[in-house]
């Protein structure tokens, strides 16, 4: 590995030890794609020492490597445990303006309302 690549990775890992930097990095990767998010999470874990995070999250180190591989498909439970060990959490928020219209429940029709009232 060239000195330049090693220097980049060391600098990235140094920045990712900061929670605010890690959050921004992971958020940007998640907005890009699932595979980008998994690569970013692996970088954060490498910066924080995978073995340390594995012990804290009670998720097997080999399982962490497997779920972050190209074929990986982490469960929500495993992902939450790992993020919690990192001092992070998953959140859900409204989409940005210009994104696809959300699927909302349909309002009951007059006929459905009258059936519900009759049944009650």
N, C-alpha and C. Protein backbone atom coordinates (compact mmCIF):
# COMPACT_ATOMS: atom_id res chain seq x y z
N UNK A 1 0.86 -1.18 0.00
CA UNK A 1 0.00 0.00 0.00
C UNK A 1 0.89 1.23 0.00
N UNK A 2 0.53 2.19 -0.81
CA UNK A 2 1.35 3.40 -0.88
C UNK A 2 1.14 4.24 0.37
N UNK A 3 2.10 5.09 0.65
CA UNK A 3 2.02 5.97 1.81
C UNK A 3 0.83 6.91 1.73
N UNK A 4 0.50 7.32 0.52
CA UNK A 4 -0.61 8.26 0.34
C UNK A 4 -1.94 7.61 0.73
N UNK A 5 -2.18 6.36 0.31
CA UNK A 5 -3.42 5.66 0.66
C UNK A 5 -3.50 5.44 2.16
N UNK A 6 -2.40 5.04 2.74
CA UNK A 6 -2.37 4.79 4.18
C UNK A 6 -2.67 6.09 4.93
N UNK A 7 -2.11 7.19 4.45
CA UNK A 7 -2.32 8.48 5.08
C UNK A 7 -3.80 8.87 5.01
N UNK A 8 -4.45 8.62 3.87
CA UNK A 8 -5.86 8.94 3.73
C UNK A 8 -6.69 8.14 4.73
N UNK A 9 -6.42 6.83 4.79
CA UNK A 9 -7.19 5.96 5.69
C UNK A 9 -6.96 6.34 7.15
N UNK A 10 -5.74 6.67 7.49
CA UNK A 10 -5.46 7.09 8.86
C UNK A 10 -6.19 8.39 9.19
N UNK A 11 -6.21 9.32 8.26
CA UNK A 11 -6.91 10.59 8.46
C UNK A 11 -8.41 10.37 8.58
N UNK A 12 -8.95 9.49 7.73
CA UNK A 12 -10.37 9.17 7.79
C UNK A 12 -10.71 8.56 9.14
N UNK A 13 -9.92 7.59 9.58
CA UNK A 13 -10.18 6.94 10.88
C UNK A 13 -10.06 7.94 12.03
N UNK A 14 -9.14 8.84 11.94
CA UNK A 14 -9.00 9.86 12.99
C UNK A 14 -10.26 10.72 13.06
N UNK A 15 -10.77 11.13 11.90
CA UNK A 15 -11.98 11.95 11.87
C UNK A 15 -13.20 11.16 12.36
N UNK A 16 -13.26 9.88 12.02
CA UNK A 16 -14.43 9.07 12.37
C UNK A 16 -14.48 8.68 13.84
N UNK A 17 -13.44 8.97 14.58
CA UNK A 17 -13.49 8.75 16.03
C UNK A 17 -14.32 9.83 16.72
N UNK A 18 -14.58 10.91 16.00
CA UNK A 18 -15.42 12.00 16.49
C UNK A 18 -16.87 11.66 16.14
N UNK A 19 -17.76 11.64 17.14
CA UNK A 19 -19.15 11.24 16.91
C UNK A 19 -19.86 12.10 15.87
N UNK A 20 -19.67 13.40 15.92
CA UNK A 20 -20.34 14.28 14.95
C UNK A 20 -19.88 13.97 13.53
N UNK A 21 -18.59 13.75 13.35
CA UNK A 21 -18.06 13.40 12.03
C UNK A 21 -18.62 12.05 11.57
N UNK A 22 -18.67 11.08 12.48
CA UNK A 22 -19.18 9.75 12.14
C UNK A 22 -20.65 9.83 11.73
N UNK A 23 -21.44 10.63 12.45
CA UNK A 23 -22.86 10.78 12.12
C UNK A 23 -23.02 11.36 10.72
N UNK A 24 -22.31 12.44 10.43
CA UNK A 24 -22.41 13.07 9.11
C UNK A 24 -21.97 12.11 8.00
N UNK A 25 -20.91 11.38 8.23
CA UNK A 25 -20.36 10.42 7.26
C UNK A 25 -21.37 9.31 7.00
N UNK A 26 -21.93 8.74 8.06
CA UNK A 26 -22.90 7.66 7.91
C UNK A 26 -24.18 8.16 7.25
N UNK A 27 -24.63 9.34 7.61
CA UNK A 27 -25.85 9.90 7.02
C UNK A 27 -25.68 10.13 5.52
N UNK A 28 -24.56 10.69 5.12
CA UNK A 28 -24.30 10.92 3.70
C UNK A 28 -24.25 9.60 2.94
N UNK A 29 -23.62 8.60 3.53
CA UNK A 29 -23.53 7.29 2.88
C UNK A 29 -24.90 6.64 2.76
N UNK A 30 -25.72 6.75 3.80
CA UNK A 30 -27.06 6.16 3.78
C UNK A 30 -27.92 6.82 2.72
N UNK A 31 -27.77 8.11 2.53
CA UNK A 31 -28.53 8.82 1.50
C UNK A 31 -28.09 8.39 0.10
N UNK A 32 -26.87 7.88 -0.01
CA UNK A 32 -26.36 7.43 -1.30
C UNK A 32 -26.92 6.04 -1.65
N UNK A 33 -26.65 5.06 -0.80
CA UNK A 33 -27.12 3.69 -1.06
C UNK A 33 -26.86 2.82 0.16
N UNK A 34 -27.50 1.67 0.17
CA UNK A 34 -27.29 0.72 1.27
C UNK A 34 -25.85 0.22 1.27
N UNK A 35 -25.31 -0.08 0.10
CA UNK A 35 -23.93 -0.58 0.06
C UNK A 35 -22.94 0.49 0.52
N UNK A 36 -23.19 1.75 0.16
CA UNK A 36 -22.32 2.84 0.63
C UNK A 36 -22.39 2.97 2.15
N UNK A 37 -23.60 2.79 2.70
CA UNK A 37 -23.77 2.85 4.16
C UNK A 37 -22.98 1.74 4.84
N UNK A 38 -23.03 0.52 4.29
CA UNK A 38 -22.31 -0.60 4.91
C UNK A 38 -20.80 -0.39 4.86
N UNK A 39 -20.31 0.18 3.76
CA UNK A 39 -18.87 0.50 3.67
C UNK A 39 -18.52 1.58 4.70
N UNK A 40 -19.37 2.60 4.80
CA UNK A 40 -19.12 3.68 5.75
C UNK A 40 -19.15 3.15 7.19
N UNK A 41 -20.11 2.29 7.49
CA UNK A 41 -20.18 1.72 8.84
C UNK A 41 -18.94 0.89 9.14
N UNK A 42 -18.46 0.15 8.15
CA UNK A 42 -17.22 -0.62 8.34
C UNK A 42 -16.06 0.32 8.64
N UNK A 43 -15.98 1.44 7.94
CA UNK A 43 -14.91 2.41 8.21
C UNK A 43 -15.01 2.98 9.63
N UNK A 44 -16.24 3.26 10.07
CA UNK A 44 -16.42 3.77 11.43
C UNK A 44 -16.00 2.70 12.44
N UNK A 45 -16.39 1.45 12.18
CA UNK A 45 -16.02 0.36 13.09
C UNK A 45 -14.51 0.14 13.11
N UNK A 46 -13.88 0.23 11.95
CA UNK A 46 -12.41 0.11 11.91
C UNK A 46 -11.76 1.22 12.72
N UNK A 47 -12.31 2.43 12.61
CA UNK A 47 -11.76 3.56 13.35
C UNK A 47 -11.91 3.37 14.85
N UNK A 48 -12.98 2.69 15.25
CA UNK A 48 -13.27 2.50 16.68
C UNK A 48 -12.82 1.13 17.18
N UNK A 49 -12.18 0.34 16.34
CA UNK A 49 -11.72 -1.02 16.66
C UNK A 49 -12.89 -1.99 16.73
N UNK A 50 -13.04 -2.80 15.71
CA UNK A 50 -14.16 -3.73 15.58
C UNK A 50 -14.30 -4.63 16.80
N UNK A 51 -13.19 -5.15 17.30
CA UNK A 51 -13.26 -6.06 18.45
C UNK A 51 -13.86 -5.37 19.67
N UNK A 52 -13.52 -4.11 19.87
CA UNK A 52 -14.05 -3.35 21.00
C UNK A 52 -15.56 -3.15 20.84
N UNK A 53 -15.98 -2.80 19.64
CA UNK A 53 -17.41 -2.59 19.37
C UNK A 53 -18.15 -3.92 19.49
N UNK A 54 -17.55 -5.00 19.02
CA UNK A 54 -18.18 -6.32 19.11
C UNK A 54 -18.44 -6.69 20.57
N UNK A 55 -17.47 -6.48 21.41
CA UNK A 55 -17.65 -6.78 22.84
C UNK A 55 -18.75 -5.91 23.45
N UNK A 56 -18.73 -4.63 23.15
CA UNK A 56 -19.70 -3.71 23.73
C UNK A 56 -21.12 -3.98 23.22
N UNK A 57 -21.25 -4.40 21.96
CA UNK A 57 -22.56 -4.64 21.37
C UNK A 57 -23.06 -6.06 21.59
N UNK A 58 -22.14 -6.94 22.03
CA UNK A 58 -22.47 -8.36 22.20
C UNK A 58 -22.87 -8.99 20.86
N UNK A 59 -22.27 -8.49 19.79
CA UNK A 59 -22.43 -9.07 18.46
C UNK A 59 -21.07 -9.65 18.08
N UNK A 60 -21.05 -10.91 17.69
CA UNK A 60 -19.83 -11.60 17.35
C UNK A 60 -19.04 -10.84 16.27
N UNK A 61 -17.74 -10.70 16.48
CA UNK A 61 -16.88 -9.95 15.56
C UNK A 61 -16.96 -10.51 14.14
N UNK A 62 -16.94 -11.84 14.02
CA UNK A 62 -17.02 -12.47 12.70
C UNK A 62 -18.37 -12.15 12.04
N UNK A 63 -19.42 -12.10 12.84
CA UNK A 63 -20.75 -11.75 12.32
C UNK A 63 -20.75 -10.32 11.80
N UNK A 64 -20.08 -9.44 12.51
CA UNK A 64 -19.99 -8.04 12.06
C UNK A 64 -19.30 -7.97 10.70
N UNK A 65 -18.18 -8.65 10.57
CA UNK A 65 -17.48 -8.65 9.27
C UNK A 65 -18.35 -9.24 8.17
N UNK A 66 -19.08 -10.31 8.49
CA UNK A 66 -19.94 -10.97 7.51
C UNK A 66 -21.07 -10.03 7.07
N UNK A 67 -21.72 -9.38 8.03
CA UNK A 67 -22.85 -8.52 7.66
C UNK A 67 -22.42 -7.26 6.92
N UNK A 68 -21.16 -6.87 7.06
CA UNK A 68 -20.67 -5.68 6.37
C UNK A 68 -19.95 -6.02 5.07
N UNK A 69 -19.96 -7.30 4.69
CA UNK A 69 -19.33 -7.71 3.44
C UNK A 69 -20.22 -7.32 2.27
N UNK A 70 -19.75 -7.53 1.04
CA UNK A 70 -20.53 -7.19 -0.16
C UNK A 70 -21.87 -7.93 -0.19
N UNK A 71 -21.90 -9.14 0.32
CA UNK A 71 -23.14 -9.93 0.34
C UNK A 71 -23.89 -9.76 1.65
N UNK A 72 -23.39 -8.91 2.52
CA UNK A 72 -23.98 -8.75 3.84
C UNK A 72 -25.38 -8.18 3.80
N UNK A 73 -26.15 -8.57 4.79
CA UNK A 73 -27.53 -8.10 4.92
C UNK A 73 -27.84 -8.04 6.41
N UNK A 74 -27.38 -6.98 7.08
CA UNK A 74 -27.55 -6.93 8.54
C UNK A 74 -29.01 -6.86 8.96
N UNK A 75 -29.31 -7.49 10.07
CA UNK A 75 -30.66 -7.36 10.62
C UNK A 75 -30.76 -6.03 11.35
N UNK A 76 -31.97 -5.57 11.52
CA UNK A 76 -32.19 -4.32 12.24
C UNK A 76 -31.69 -4.46 13.67
N UNK A 77 -31.90 -5.62 14.27
CA UNK A 77 -31.47 -5.86 15.64
C UNK A 77 -29.95 -5.74 15.77
N UNK A 78 -29.21 -6.37 14.88
CA UNK A 78 -27.74 -6.29 14.92
C UNK A 78 -27.26 -4.87 14.68
N UNK A 79 -27.87 -4.22 13.72
CA UNK A 79 -27.50 -2.84 13.40
C UNK A 79 -27.74 -1.93 14.59
N UNK A 80 -28.87 -2.09 15.27
CA UNK A 80 -29.16 -1.26 16.45
C UNK A 80 -28.15 -1.52 17.56
N UNK A 81 -27.78 -2.77 17.78
CA UNK A 81 -26.81 -3.09 18.83
C UNK A 81 -25.46 -2.43 18.55
N UNK A 82 -25.03 -2.51 17.30
CA UNK A 82 -23.73 -1.94 16.92
C UNK A 82 -23.77 -0.42 17.05
N UNK A 83 -24.82 0.20 16.53
CA UNK A 83 -24.92 1.66 16.62
C UNK A 83 -25.00 2.11 18.07
N UNK A 84 -25.72 1.38 18.90
CA UNK A 84 -25.81 1.73 20.31
C UNK A 84 -24.43 1.65 20.97
N UNK A 85 -23.66 0.63 20.63
CA UNK A 85 -22.31 0.51 21.18
C UNK A 85 -21.42 1.68 20.74
N UNK A 86 -21.73 2.25 19.57
CA UNK A 86 -20.98 3.40 19.07
C UNK A 86 -21.50 4.72 19.65
N UNK A 87 -22.60 4.64 20.40
CA UNK A 87 -23.20 5.86 20.94
C UNK A 87 -24.10 6.55 19.93
N UNK A 88 -24.57 5.79 18.94
CA UNK A 88 -25.43 6.33 17.89
C UNK A 88 -26.77 5.60 17.91
N UNK A 89 -27.76 6.13 17.19
CA UNK A 89 -29.04 5.46 17.09
C UNK A 89 -29.69 5.74 15.75
N UNK A 90 -30.57 4.85 15.35
CA UNK A 90 -31.34 5.04 14.13
C UNK A 90 -32.51 5.98 14.41
N UNK A 91 -32.83 6.82 13.46
CA UNK A 91 -34.00 7.68 13.58
C UNK A 91 -34.74 7.68 12.25
N UNK A 92 -35.99 8.07 12.32
CA UNK A 92 -36.81 8.22 11.12
C UNK A 92 -37.29 9.66 11.09
N UNK A 93 -37.22 10.26 9.91
CA UNK A 93 -37.66 11.64 9.78
C UNK A 93 -38.40 11.79 8.46
N UNK A 94 -39.11 12.89 8.33
CA UNK A 94 -39.83 13.16 7.10
C UNK A 94 -38.85 13.33 5.95
N UNK A 95 -39.27 12.92 4.77
CA UNK A 95 -38.44 13.07 3.58
C UNK A 95 -38.29 14.52 3.19
N UNK A 96 -37.35 14.78 2.33
CA UNK A 96 -37.10 16.14 1.87
C UNK A 96 -38.11 16.52 0.79
N UNK A 97 -38.31 17.81 0.62
CA UNK A 97 -39.19 18.33 -0.42
C UNK A 97 -38.67 17.85 -1.77
N UNK A 98 -39.58 17.44 -2.62
CA UNK A 98 -39.19 16.97 -3.95
C UNK A 98 -39.00 15.47 -4.01
N UNK A 99 -39.13 14.79 -2.88
CA UNK A 99 -39.03 13.34 -2.91
C UNK A 99 -40.39 12.76 -3.25
N UNK A 100 -40.43 11.50 -3.45
CA UNK A 100 -41.66 10.80 -3.81
C UNK A 100 -42.74 11.05 -2.76
N UNK A 101 -43.98 11.17 -3.21
CA UNK A 101 -45.11 11.39 -2.31
C UNK A 101 -45.27 10.19 -1.39
N UNK A 102 -45.40 10.41 -0.09
CA UNK A 102 -45.54 9.29 0.83
C UNK A 102 -46.88 8.59 0.63
N UNK A 103 -46.90 7.32 0.99
CA UNK A 103 -48.14 6.54 0.94
C UNK A 103 -48.88 6.81 2.24
N UNK A 104 -50.06 7.37 2.12
CA UNK A 104 -50.87 7.71 3.29
C UNK A 104 -52.10 6.82 3.32
N UNK A 105 -52.62 6.55 4.50
CA UNK A 105 -53.85 5.76 4.56
C UNK A 105 -54.99 6.51 3.89
N UNK A 106 -55.84 5.76 3.21
CA UNK A 106 -56.97 6.39 2.53
C UNK A 106 -58.05 6.72 3.54
N UNK A 107 -58.72 7.82 3.30
CA UNK A 107 -59.86 8.20 4.13
C UNK A 107 -61.00 7.23 3.80
N UNK A 108 -61.75 6.77 4.80
CA UNK A 108 -62.88 5.89 4.50
C UNK A 108 -63.91 6.62 3.67
N UNK A 109 -64.52 5.87 2.75
CA UNK A 109 -65.58 6.47 1.93
C UNK A 109 -66.85 6.57 2.77
N UNK A 110 -67.83 7.29 2.25
CA UNK A 110 -69.11 7.45 2.95
C UNK A 110 -69.73 6.08 3.18
N UNK A 111 -69.64 5.21 2.17
CA UNK A 111 -70.21 3.86 2.26
C UNK A 111 -69.53 3.07 3.38
N UNK A 112 -68.18 3.14 3.46
CA UNK A 112 -67.44 2.42 4.50
C UNK A 112 -67.79 2.96 5.88
N UNK A 113 -67.97 4.28 5.98
CA UNK A 113 -68.33 4.87 7.27
C UNK A 113 -69.69 4.38 7.72
N UNK A 114 -70.66 4.34 6.80
CA UNK A 114 -72.01 3.90 7.16
C UNK A 114 -72.02 2.42 7.53
N UNK A 115 -71.22 1.59 6.86
CA UNK A 115 -71.12 0.17 7.23
C UNK A 115 -70.54 0.01 8.63
N UNK A 116 -69.52 0.79 8.94
CA UNK A 116 -68.90 0.71 10.25
C UNK A 116 -69.87 1.12 11.34
N UNK A 117 -70.68 2.13 11.06
CA UNK A 117 -71.67 2.60 12.05
C UNK A 117 -72.77 1.56 12.23
N UNK A 118 -73.17 0.93 11.13
CA UNK A 118 -74.21 -0.10 11.20
C UNK A 118 -73.73 -1.31 11.98
N UNK A 119 -72.46 -1.68 11.79
CA UNK A 119 -71.89 -2.84 12.47
C UNK A 119 -71.75 -2.59 13.95
N UNK A 120 -71.60 -1.34 14.35
CA UNK A 120 -71.38 -1.03 15.77
C UNK A 120 -72.64 -1.01 16.51
